[in-house]
Amino acid sequence: MNTVIDPAKVGRTRTALPPGFEVADVTGRVAPVAMWGLGAQWTAEPSACGVLADPPVDPVSVRGWSASGPGAIVYVVAAAAPVGPDDVARAECGEFAVLAGHTSGTVSMVDAPPIDDAQTLTLRADTVTVVEGSTETRSNADTFTAYLPGHVAYVTVVTDPGSAEPGLPADFGATLLSSTVSALRGAAPAGG
């Protein structure tokens, strides 16, 4: 496929959100690992797996948005990527650990949604942050990634397992990634 990918079109997918979500442009660190709640001085074990949680991108090209609402926080990011997916890491990192300060977690590779002419990857991160008084805050996040020619796009859905809110449908992140790839390729997003 010889399609021009335009990260600036990522904003077209905001219409996929259900009512009650507040939307803003992404700022600061945009790597999935940052969205999972890990600080800048994080590590992965094995270390080679870290590239899956923080794919290399051209920082000038990064575009995206975030939204918070009932039961979840959603991040959608697109950027130019100097390299494609790391096939060795994909093959050897079915599960790996992440750690940053008081936050630690386990990341598992789960079934990824198929998208034409893209390599996809889905990571499920379960993290625990220990705060004062040994109180633990748990978080779950699913990151759906599509590697496109010269670009990468990912959708991260973060949920609080203790939230009383119902949250988003289980297939929301995968569907939003598909819509995002379509928008980046110049197609009108579904529902928009």
N, C-alpha and C. Protein backbone atom coordinates (compact mmCIF):
# COMPACT_ATOMS: atom_id res chain seq x y z
N MET A 1 0.85 -1.18 0.00
CA MET A 1 0.00 0.00 0.00
C MET A 1 0.89 1.23 0.00
N ASN A 2 0.59 2.18 -0.87
CA ASN A 2 1.42 3.37 -0.99
C ASN A 2 0.63 4.58 -0.52
N THR A 3 0.22 4.59 0.72
CA THR A 3 -0.60 5.64 1.29
C THR A 3 0.25 6.57 2.12
N VAL A 4 -0.04 7.87 2.03
CA VAL A 4 0.66 8.85 2.86
C VAL A 4 0.02 8.85 4.24
N ILE A 5 0.84 8.66 5.26
CA ILE A 5 0.36 8.66 6.65
C ILE A 5 0.54 10.06 7.22
N ASP A 6 -0.50 10.62 7.80
CA ASP A 6 -0.44 11.98 8.35
C ASP A 6 -0.83 11.97 9.83
N PRO A 7 0.17 12.04 10.75
CA PRO A 7 -0.15 12.04 12.18
C PRO A 7 -1.09 13.15 12.61
N ALA A 8 -1.12 14.26 11.88
CA ALA A 8 -1.99 15.38 12.26
C ALA A 8 -3.47 15.00 12.19
N LYS A 9 -3.80 13.94 11.46
CA LYS A 9 -5.20 13.53 11.32
C LYS A 9 -5.70 12.69 12.50
N VAL A 10 -4.84 12.47 13.49
CA VAL A 10 -5.23 11.64 14.63
C VAL A 10 -6.41 12.24 15.39
N GLY A 11 -6.55 13.55 15.36
CA GLY A 11 -7.64 14.21 16.08
C GLY A 11 -9.02 13.88 15.55
N ARG A 12 -9.10 13.36 14.33
CA ARG A 12 -10.40 13.04 13.73
C ARG A 12 -11.10 11.91 14.48
N THR A 13 -10.37 11.16 15.28
CA THR A 13 -10.98 10.00 15.95
C THR A 13 -11.62 10.35 17.29
N ARG A 14 -11.56 11.60 17.69
CA ARG A 14 -12.18 11.99 18.97
C ARG A 14 -13.68 11.70 19.00
N THR A 15 -14.29 11.66 17.83
CA THR A 15 -15.73 11.43 17.76
C THR A 15 -16.12 10.03 18.21
N ALA A 16 -15.13 9.13 18.35
CA ALA A 16 -15.44 7.75 18.77
C ALA A 16 -15.72 7.64 20.26
N LEU A 17 -15.44 8.70 21.00
CA LEU A 17 -15.63 8.64 22.46
C LEU A 17 -17.11 8.67 22.84
N PRO A 18 -17.47 7.93 23.86
CA PRO A 18 -18.85 8.04 24.35
C PRO A 18 -19.03 9.36 25.09
N PRO A 19 -20.27 9.75 25.38
CA PRO A 19 -20.52 10.99 26.12
C PRO A 19 -19.85 10.96 27.50
N GLY A 20 -19.52 12.13 28.00
CA GLY A 20 -18.98 12.25 29.35
C GLY A 20 -17.47 12.27 29.44
N PHE A 21 -16.76 12.28 28.30
CA PHE A 21 -15.31 12.33 28.30
C PHE A 21 -14.82 13.73 27.98
N GLU A 22 -13.82 14.19 28.75
CA GLU A 22 -13.19 15.48 28.49
C GLU A 22 -11.91 15.24 27.73
N VAL A 23 -11.71 15.97 26.62
CA VAL A 23 -10.60 15.73 25.71
C VAL A 23 -9.59 16.86 25.76
N ALA A 24 -8.30 16.50 25.65
CA ALA A 24 -7.21 17.48 25.58
C ALA A 24 -6.11 16.93 24.68
N ASP A 25 -5.27 17.81 24.16
CA ASP A 25 -4.12 17.36 23.39
C ASP A 25 -3.11 16.69 24.32
N VAL A 26 -2.38 15.69 23.81
CA VAL A 26 -1.36 15.06 24.65
C VAL A 26 -0.19 16.01 24.83
N THR A 27 0.41 15.95 26.00
CA THR A 27 1.59 16.75 26.30
C THR A 27 2.55 15.89 27.11
N GLY A 28 3.81 16.31 27.16
CA GLY A 28 4.79 15.59 27.96
C GLY A 28 5.16 14.26 27.33
N ARG A 29 5.54 13.31 28.16
CA ARG A 29 5.92 11.98 27.67
C ARG A 29 4.70 11.27 27.11
N VAL A 30 4.86 10.71 25.92
CA VAL A 30 3.72 10.07 25.26
C VAL A 30 3.92 8.57 25.07
N ALA A 31 5.02 8.02 25.57
CA ALA A 31 5.26 6.58 25.44
C ALA A 31 4.20 5.80 26.22
N PRO A 32 3.80 4.62 25.73
CA PRO A 32 2.85 3.82 26.49
C PRO A 32 3.25 3.63 27.95
N VAL A 33 4.53 3.39 28.21
CA VAL A 33 4.98 3.15 29.58
C VAL A 33 4.68 4.36 30.48
N ALA A 34 4.73 5.56 29.92
CA ALA A 34 4.38 6.75 30.71
C ALA A 34 2.89 6.77 31.01
N MET A 35 2.09 6.34 30.04
CA MET A 35 0.64 6.30 30.24
C MET A 35 0.24 5.24 31.25
N TRP A 36 1.10 4.24 31.41
CA TRP A 36 0.84 3.21 32.42
C TRP A 36 1.18 3.70 33.82
N GLY A 37 1.75 4.91 33.94
CA GLY A 37 2.03 5.50 35.25
C GLY A 37 3.46 5.36 35.72
N LEU A 38 4.37 4.97 34.83
CA LEU A 38 5.78 4.83 35.23
C LEU A 38 6.55 6.10 34.88
N GLY A 39 7.38 6.53 35.80
CA GLY A 39 8.17 7.74 35.61
C GLY A 39 9.26 7.58 34.57
N ALA A 40 9.99 8.67 34.35
CA ALA A 40 11.01 8.70 33.29
C ALA A 40 12.16 7.72 33.54
N GLN A 41 12.48 7.43 34.79
CA GLN A 41 13.59 6.54 35.11
C GLN A 41 13.10 5.11 35.30
N TRP A 42 12.47 4.57 34.29
CA TRP A 42 11.89 3.23 34.38
C TRP A 42 12.83 2.22 33.75
N THR A 43 12.63 0.96 34.10
CA THR A 43 13.40 -0.13 33.51
C THR A 43 12.46 -1.27 33.16
N ALA A 44 12.92 -2.08 32.22
CA ALA A 44 12.19 -3.30 31.85
C ALA A 44 13.10 -4.48 32.12
N GLU A 45 12.50 -5.60 32.49
CA GLU A 45 13.26 -6.83 32.72
C GLU A 45 12.55 -7.98 32.02
N PRO A 46 13.15 -8.55 30.99
CA PRO A 46 14.46 -8.25 30.41
C PRO A 46 14.47 -6.87 29.73
N SER A 47 15.63 -6.24 29.72
CA SER A 47 15.74 -4.87 29.21
C SER A 47 15.40 -4.76 27.73
N ALA A 48 15.63 -5.83 26.95
CA ALA A 48 15.33 -5.79 25.51
C ALA A 48 13.84 -5.60 25.23
N CYS A 49 13.00 -5.89 26.22
CA CYS A 49 11.55 -5.77 26.04
C CYS A 49 11.09 -4.31 26.12
N GLY A 50 11.92 -3.44 26.63
CA GLY A 50 11.54 -2.04 26.82
C GLY A 50 11.10 -1.34 25.55
N VAL A 51 11.65 -1.74 24.41
CA VAL A 51 11.30 -1.10 23.14
C VAL A 51 9.82 -1.28 22.80
N LEU A 52 9.19 -2.31 23.32
CA LEU A 52 7.76 -2.51 23.08
C LEU A 52 6.91 -1.52 23.88
N ALA A 53 7.40 -1.13 25.04
CA ALA A 53 6.68 -0.20 25.91
C ALA A 53 6.99 1.26 25.60
N ASP A 54 8.04 1.48 24.81
CA ASP A 54 8.46 2.84 24.47
C ASP A 54 9.04 2.83 23.06
N PRO A 55 8.17 2.68 22.03
CA PRO A 55 8.68 2.60 20.67
C PRO A 55 9.37 3.91 20.27
N PRO A 56 10.51 3.83 19.57
CA PRO A 56 11.20 5.04 19.17
C PRO A 56 10.39 5.83 18.14
N VAL A 57 10.23 7.13 18.40
CA VAL A 57 9.48 8.01 17.49
C VAL A 57 10.26 9.30 17.28
N ASP A 58 9.90 10.00 16.21
CA ASP A 58 10.43 11.35 15.97
C ASP A 58 9.60 12.30 16.83
N PRO A 59 10.19 12.89 17.89
CA PRO A 59 9.38 13.68 18.83
C PRO A 59 8.69 14.89 18.20
N VAL A 60 9.26 15.44 17.13
CA VAL A 60 8.66 16.60 16.48
C VAL A 60 7.35 16.22 15.79
N SER A 61 7.23 14.97 15.38
CA SER A 61 6.06 14.54 14.61
C SER A 61 4.90 14.06 15.47
N VAL A 62 5.08 13.95 16.78
CA VAL A 62 4.06 13.37 17.66
C VAL A 62 2.79 14.23 17.69
N ARG A 63 1.68 13.56 17.46
CA ARG A 63 0.36 14.20 17.57
C ARG A 63 -0.53 13.23 18.34
N GLY A 64 -1.47 13.79 19.09
CA GLY A 64 -2.37 12.91 19.81
C GLY A 64 -3.30 13.65 20.73
N TRP A 65 -4.14 12.87 21.39
CA TRP A 65 -5.09 13.44 22.34
C TRP A 65 -5.32 12.45 23.48
N SER A 66 -5.82 12.99 24.56
CA SER A 66 -6.19 12.15 25.70
C SER A 66 -7.60 12.54 26.12
N ALA A 67 -8.25 11.61 26.80
CA ALA A 67 -9.60 11.87 27.27
C ALA A 67 -9.83 11.13 28.57
N SER A 68 -10.46 11.81 29.50
CA SER A 68 -10.80 11.15 30.75
C SER A 68 -12.31 11.20 30.93
N GLY A 69 -12.83 10.10 31.43
CA GLY A 69 -14.27 10.02 31.59
C GLY A 69 -14.64 8.87 32.49
N PRO A 70 -15.90 8.47 32.45
CA PRO A 70 -16.38 7.42 33.36
C PRO A 70 -15.58 6.13 33.25
N GLY A 71 -14.82 5.82 34.29
CA GLY A 71 -14.14 4.54 34.39
C GLY A 71 -12.85 4.37 33.61
N ALA A 72 -12.40 5.41 32.87
CA ALA A 72 -11.21 5.19 32.05
C ALA A 72 -10.54 6.50 31.63
N ILE A 73 -9.28 6.36 31.26
CA ILE A 73 -8.53 7.42 30.59
C ILE A 73 -8.05 6.82 29.27
N VAL A 74 -8.22 7.56 28.18
CA VAL A 74 -7.86 7.08 26.85
C VAL A 74 -6.78 8.00 26.28
N TYR A 75 -5.75 7.40 25.68
CA TYR A 75 -4.70 8.15 24.99
C TYR A 75 -4.62 7.64 23.56
N VAL A 76 -4.52 8.55 22.60
CA VAL A 76 -4.34 8.18 21.19
C VAL A 76 -3.16 8.98 20.66
N VAL A 77 -2.15 8.29 20.14
CA VAL A 77 -0.92 8.94 19.69
C VAL A 77 -0.52 8.40 18.32
N ALA A 78 -0.01 9.30 17.48
CA ALA A 78 0.57 8.90 16.19
C ALA A 78 1.85 9.70 15.98
N ALA A 79 2.83 9.07 15.35
CA ALA A 79 4.11 9.75 15.12
C ALA A 79 4.89 9.05 14.02
N ALA A 80 5.83 9.77 13.45
CA ALA A 80 6.78 9.15 12.54
C ALA A 80 7.71 8.28 13.38
N ALA A 81 8.05 7.12 12.85
CA ALA A 81 8.91 6.18 13.58
C ALA A 81 10.08 5.80 12.68
N PRO A 82 11.31 5.98 13.18
CA PRO A 82 12.48 5.68 12.35
C PRO A 82 12.67 4.20 12.06
N VAL A 83 12.11 3.35 12.92
CA VAL A 83 12.23 1.90 12.72
C VAL A 83 10.88 1.25 12.98
N GLY A 84 10.69 0.08 12.42
CA GLY A 84 9.46 -0.68 12.63
C GLY A 84 9.53 -1.46 13.92
N PRO A 85 8.64 -2.42 14.08
CA PRO A 85 8.62 -3.20 15.31
C PRO A 85 9.87 -4.06 15.45
N ASP A 86 10.27 -4.27 16.68
CA ASP A 86 11.43 -5.12 16.97
C ASP A 86 10.95 -6.57 17.00
N ASP A 87 11.24 -7.31 15.93
CA ASP A 87 10.74 -8.68 15.81
C ASP A 87 11.29 -9.61 16.88
N VAL A 88 12.53 -9.37 17.32
CA VAL A 88 13.12 -10.20 18.37
C VAL A 88 12.36 -9.98 19.68
N ALA A 89 12.12 -8.71 20.01
CA ALA A 89 11.37 -8.41 21.24
C ALA A 89 9.95 -8.98 21.16
N ARG A 90 9.32 -8.87 20.01
CA ARG A 90 7.97 -9.41 19.85
C ARG A 90 7.97 -10.92 20.08
N ALA A 91 9.02 -11.59 19.64
CA ALA A 91 9.08 -13.05 19.76
C ALA A 91 9.43 -13.49 21.18
N GLU A 92 10.23 -12.71 21.89
CA GLU A 92 10.76 -13.14 23.18
C GLU A 92 10.14 -12.48 24.40
N CYS A 93 9.24 -11.52 24.20
CA CYS A 93 8.72 -10.75 25.34
C CYS A 93 7.23 -10.95 25.52
N GLY A 94 6.81 -12.20 25.60
CA GLY A 94 5.41 -12.49 25.85
C GLY A 94 4.95 -11.96 27.19
N GLU A 95 5.89 -11.87 28.14
CA GLU A 95 5.62 -11.27 29.44
C GLU A 95 6.92 -10.68 29.97
N PHE A 96 6.86 -9.47 30.51
CA PHE A 96 8.04 -8.85 31.10
C PHE A 96 7.64 -7.92 32.23
N ALA A 97 8.60 -7.54 33.03
CA ALA A 97 8.35 -6.68 34.18
C ALA A 97 8.79 -5.25 33.88
N VAL A 98 8.11 -4.28 34.50
CA VAL A 98 8.50 -2.88 34.43
C VAL A 98 8.57 -2.33 35.85
N LEU A 99 9.48 -1.38 36.06
CA LEU A 99 9.69 -0.83 37.39
C LEU A 99 10.13 0.62 37.28
N ALA A 100 9.57 1.47 38.14
CA ALA A 100 9.99 2.87 38.24
C ALA A 100 9.62 3.37 39.63
N GLY A 101 10.61 3.59 40.46
CA GLY A 101 10.35 4.09 41.80
C GLY A 101 9.43 3.18 42.58
N HIS A 102 8.29 3.74 43.03
CA HIS A 102 7.33 2.98 43.84
C HIS A 102 6.32 2.21 42.99
N THR A 103 6.49 2.24 41.66
CA THR A 103 5.54 1.57 40.77
C THR A 103 6.22 0.38 40.09
N SER A 104 5.54 -0.75 40.12
CA SER A 104 6.04 -1.94 39.42
C SER A 104 4.86 -2.59 38.72
N GLY A 105 5.18 -3.41 37.73
CA GLY A 105 4.09 -4.05 37.02
C GLY A 105 4.55 -5.19 36.15
N THR A 106 3.56 -5.91 35.64
CA THR A 106 3.77 -7.00 34.71
C THR A 106 3.08 -6.63 33.40
N VAL A 107 3.80 -6.83 32.31
CA VAL A 107 3.25 -6.53 30.98
C VAL A 107 3.16 -7.84 30.22
N SER A 108 2.00 -8.09 29.65
CA SER A 108 1.77 -9.32 28.89
C SER A 108 1.33 -8.99 27.48
N MET A 109 1.83 -9.76 26.51
CA MET A 109 1.38 -9.61 25.14
C MET A 109 0.10 -10.42 24.99
N VAL A 110 -0.94 -9.78 24.44
CA VAL A 110 -2.22 -10.47 24.22
C VAL A 110 -2.58 -10.35 22.74
N ASP A 111 -3.64 -11.04 22.34
CA ASP A 111 -4.03 -11.03 20.93
C ASP A 111 -4.26 -9.61 20.44
N ALA A 112 -3.66 -9.29 19.28
CA ALA A 112 -3.79 -7.96 18.70
C ALA A 112 -4.82 -7.96 17.59
N PRO A 113 -5.52 -6.83 17.41
CA PRO A 113 -6.51 -6.76 16.34
C PRO A 113 -5.81 -6.72 14.98
N PRO A 114 -6.31 -7.46 13.99
CA PRO A 114 -5.71 -7.40 12.67
C PRO A 114 -6.10 -6.10 11.96
N ILE A 115 -5.13 -5.47 11.30
CA ILE A 115 -5.37 -4.27 10.50
C ILE A 115 -4.61 -4.45 9.18
N ASP A 116 -5.29 -4.25 8.07
CA ASP A 116 -4.67 -4.44 6.76
C ASP A 116 -3.41 -3.59 6.63
N ASP A 117 -2.36 -4.19 6.08
CA ASP A 117 -1.10 -3.50 5.79
C ASP A 117 -0.48 -2.84 7.01
N ALA A 118 -0.63 -3.46 8.17
CA ALA A 118 -0.01 -2.97 9.40
C ALA A 118 0.37 -4.16 10.26
N GLN A 119 1.43 -4.00 11.04
CA GLN A 119 1.77 -4.99 12.06
C GLN A 119 1.21 -4.47 13.37
N THR A 120 0.47 -5.32 14.07
CA THR A 120 -0.17 -4.87 15.31
C THR A 120 0.36 -5.63 16.52
N LEU A 121 0.23 -4.99 17.66
CA LEU A 121 0.72 -5.54 18.93
C LEU A 121 -0.19 -5.00 20.02
N THR A 122 -0.57 -5.86 20.96
CA THR A 122 -1.34 -5.40 22.12
C THR A 122 -0.62 -5.82 23.39
N LEU A 123 -0.43 -4.86 24.28
CA LEU A 123 0.21 -5.11 25.57
C LEU A 123 -0.77 -4.80 26.69
N ARG A 124 -0.83 -5.68 27.67
CA ARG A 124 -1.66 -5.46 28.87
C ARG A 124 -0.73 -5.24 30.05
N ALA A 125 -0.83 -4.07 30.67
CA ALA A 125 0.03 -3.73 31.81
C ALA A 125 -0.81 -3.67 33.08
N ASP A 126 -0.39 -4.45 34.07
CA ASP A 126 -1.01 -4.43 35.39
C ASP A 126 0.02 -3.88 36.35
N THR A 127 -0.25 -2.69 36.92
CA THR A 127 0.74 -2.02 37.76
C THR A 127 0.23 -1.79 39.17
N VAL A 128 1.18 -1.67 40.08
CA VAL A 128 0.89 -1.38 41.48
C VAL A 128 1.82 -0.27 41.92
N THR A 129 1.26 0.77 42.53
CA THR A 129 2.07 1.85 43.10
C THR A 129 1.87 1.84 44.60
N VAL A 130 2.98 1.76 45.35
CA VAL A 130 2.91 1.77 46.80
C VAL A 130 3.17 3.18 47.28
N VAL A 131 2.23 3.74 48.02
CA VAL A 131 2.35 5.11 48.51
C VAL A 131 2.49 5.09 50.03
N GLU A 132 2.45 6.28 50.63
CA GLU A 132 2.64 6.38 52.09
C GLU A 132 1.73 5.44 52.84
N GLY A 133 2.26 4.87 53.90
CA GLY A 133 1.49 3.94 54.72
C GLY A 133 1.29 2.59 54.05
N SER A 134 2.10 2.31 53.05
CA SER A 134 2.04 1.04 52.30
C SER A 134 0.71 0.83 51.58
N THR A 135 -0.02 1.92 51.32
CA THR A 135 -1.26 1.82 50.56
C THR A 135 -0.91 1.52 49.11
N GLU A 136 -1.63 0.59 48.50
CA GLU A 136 -1.36 0.21 47.12
C GLU A 136 -2.45 0.76 46.20
N THR A 137 -2.01 1.35 45.08
CA THR A 137 -2.93 1.79 44.05
C THR A 137 -2.69 0.92 42.83
N ARG A 138 -3.73 0.23 42.40
CA ARG A 138 -3.60 -0.67 41.24
C ARG A 138 -4.20 -0.03 40.00
N SER A 139 -3.61 -0.35 38.86
CA SER A 139 -4.09 0.17 37.59
C SER A 139 -3.91 -0.90 36.51
N ASN A 140 -4.83 -0.91 35.57
CA ASN A 140 -4.74 -1.79 34.41
C ASN A 140 -4.74 -0.93 33.16
N ALA A 141 -3.92 -1.29 32.19
CA ALA A 141 -3.89 -0.55 30.93
C ALA A 141 -3.69 -1.52 29.78
N ASP A 142 -4.37 -1.26 28.70
CA ASP A 142 -4.17 -2.01 27.46
C ASP A 142 -3.69 -1.01 26.41
N THR A 143 -2.58 -1.34 25.75
CA THR A 143 -2.05 -0.50 24.68
C THR A 143 -2.11 -1.30 23.38
N PHE A 144 -2.81 -0.73 22.41
CA PHE A 144 -3.00 -1.33 21.09
C PHE A 144 -2.13 -0.54 20.12
N THR A 145 -1.17 -1.19 19.49
CA THR A 145 -0.20 -0.51 18.63
C THR A 145 -0.28 -1.01 17.20
N ALA A 146 -0.19 -0.07 16.25
CA ALA A 146 -0.11 -0.42 14.83
C ALA A 146 1.15 0.20 14.26
N TYR A 147 1.99 -0.65 13.69
CA TYR A 147 3.20 -0.18 13.01
C TYR A 147 2.88 -0.07 11.53
N LEU A 148 2.98 1.16 11.01
CA LEU A 148 2.69 1.47 9.62
C LEU A 148 4.00 1.86 8.94
N PRO A 149 4.04 1.92 7.62
CA PRO A 149 5.30 2.31 6.96
C PRO A 149 5.80 3.67 7.46
N GLY A 150 6.92 3.66 8.18
CA GLY A 150 7.52 4.89 8.67
C GLY A 150 6.80 5.56 9.82
N HIS A 151 5.79 4.92 10.37
CA HIS A 151 4.98 5.54 11.43
C HIS A 151 4.54 4.49 12.44
N VAL A 152 4.09 4.98 13.59
CA VAL A 152 3.48 4.13 14.59
C VAL A 152 2.28 4.87 15.17
N ALA A 153 1.25 4.11 15.51
CA ALA A 153 0.07 4.68 16.16
C ALA A 153 -0.30 3.77 17.31
N TYR A 154 -0.71 4.36 18.43
CA TYR A 154 -1.15 3.51 19.52
C TYR A 154 -2.26 4.16 20.33
N VAL A 155 -3.10 3.28 20.86
CA VAL A 155 -4.23 3.66 21.70
C VAL A 155 -4.01 2.97 23.04
N THR A 156 -4.04 3.74 24.12
CA THR A 156 -3.92 3.17 25.46
C THR A 156 -5.19 3.48 26.24
N VAL A 157 -5.76 2.45 26.83
CA VAL A 157 -6.94 2.61 27.67
C VAL A 157 -6.55 2.19 29.08
N VAL A 158 -6.60 3.15 30.02
CA VAL A 158 -6.22 2.91 31.42
C VAL A 158 -7.49 2.84 32.26
N THR A 159 -7.59 1.79 33.06
CA THR A 159 -8.75 1.66 33.94
C THR A 159 -8.31 1.46 35.37
N ASP A 160 -9.14 1.92 36.27
CA ASP A 160 -8.93 1.71 37.70
C ASP A 160 -9.80 0.52 38.10
N PRO A 161 -9.16 -0.61 38.46
CA PRO A 161 -9.96 -1.79 38.77
C PRO A 161 -10.92 -1.59 39.94
N GLY A 162 -10.69 -0.57 40.77
CA GLY A 162 -11.58 -0.32 41.89
C GLY A 162 -12.66 0.70 41.60
N SER A 163 -12.73 1.18 40.36
CA SER A 163 -13.70 2.22 40.02
C SER A 163 -15.12 1.69 40.05
N ALA A 164 -16.03 2.52 40.54
CA ALA A 164 -17.44 2.15 40.56
C ALA A 164 -18.08 2.40 39.20
N GLU A 165 -17.38 3.13 38.32
CA GLU A 165 -17.91 3.42 36.99
C GLU A 165 -17.85 2.16 36.12
N PRO A 166 -18.73 2.03 35.14
CA PRO A 166 -18.76 0.82 34.33
C PRO A 166 -17.59 0.66 33.38
N GLY A 167 -16.92 1.74 33.00
CA GLY A 167 -15.78 1.62 32.08
C GLY A 167 -16.23 1.50 30.63
N LEU A 168 -15.27 1.28 29.75
CA LEU A 168 -15.53 1.19 28.32
C LEU A 168 -15.70 -0.27 27.89
N PRO A 169 -16.36 -0.51 26.76
CA PRO A 169 -16.49 -1.89 26.27
C PRO A 169 -15.12 -2.52 26.04
N ALA A 170 -15.03 -3.83 26.16
CA ALA A 170 -13.76 -4.55 26.05
C ALA A 170 -13.07 -4.33 24.71
N ASP A 171 -13.85 -4.14 23.65
CA ASP A 171 -13.25 -3.98 22.32
C ASP A 171 -13.02 -2.52 21.94
N PHE A 172 -13.22 -1.59 22.89
CA PHE A 172 -13.13 -0.16 22.56
C PHE A 172 -11.76 0.22 22.01
N GLY A 173 -10.68 -0.19 22.70
CA GLY A 173 -9.33 0.19 22.29
C GLY A 173 -8.96 -0.35 20.92
N ALA A 174 -9.29 -1.61 20.66
CA ALA A 174 -8.98 -2.22 19.36
C ALA A 174 -9.74 -1.53 18.24
N THR A 175 -11.01 -1.23 18.48
CA THR A 175 -11.83 -0.54 17.48
C THR A 175 -11.30 0.87 17.23
N LEU A 176 -10.89 1.56 18.31
CA LEU A 176 -10.36 2.92 18.16
C LEU A 176 -9.03 2.90 17.41
N LEU A 177 -8.20 1.89 17.62
CA LEU A 177 -6.95 1.80 16.86
C LEU A 177 -7.24 1.65 15.37
N SER A 178 -8.18 0.80 15.02
CA SER A 178 -8.55 0.61 13.62
C SER A 178 -9.04 1.93 13.01
N SER A 179 -9.88 2.65 13.74
CA SER A 179 -10.38 3.95 13.26
C SER A 179 -9.24 4.95 13.13
N THR A 180 -8.29 4.89 14.06
CA THR A 180 -7.15 5.81 14.03
C THR A 180 -6.29 5.56 12.79
N VAL A 181 -6.01 4.30 12.51
CA VAL A 181 -5.21 3.97 11.32
C VAL A 181 -5.93 4.45 10.07
N SER A 182 -7.24 4.25 9.99
CA SER A 182 -8.01 4.72 8.84
C SER A 182 -7.89 6.23 8.69
N ALA A 183 -8.02 6.94 9.81
CA ALA A 183 -7.92 8.41 9.77
C ALA A 183 -6.53 8.85 9.32
N LEU A 184 -5.49 8.20 9.82
CA LEU A 184 -4.12 8.57 9.45
C LEU A 184 -3.89 8.35 7.96
N ARG A 185 -4.57 7.36 7.41
CA ARG A 185 -4.44 7.07 5.97
C ARG A 185 -5.33 7.96 5.12
N GLY A 186 -6.13 8.82 5.75
CA GLY A 186 -6.94 9.77 5.01
C GLY A 186 -8.40 9.41 4.87
N ALA A 187 -8.80 8.26 5.40
CA ALA A 187 -10.21 7.86 5.33
C ALA A 187 -11.00 8.54 6.45
N ALA A 188 -12.26 8.71 6.23
CA ALA A 188 -13.11 9.28 7.29
C ALA A 188 -13.28 8.24 8.37
N PRO A 189 -13.06 8.60 9.66
CA PRO A 189 -13.22 7.61 10.73
C PRO A 189 -14.67 7.20 10.89
N ALA A 190 -14.86 5.97 11.32
CA ALA A 190 -16.21 5.47 11.57
C ALA A 190 -16.87 6.32 12.64
N GLY A 191 -18.12 6.67 12.40
CA GLY A 191 -18.86 7.47 13.36
C GLY A 191 -18.53 8.94 13.26
N GLY A 192 -17.60 9.33 12.37
CA GLY A 192 -17.25 10.74 12.26
C GLY A 192 -17.72 11.25 10.97
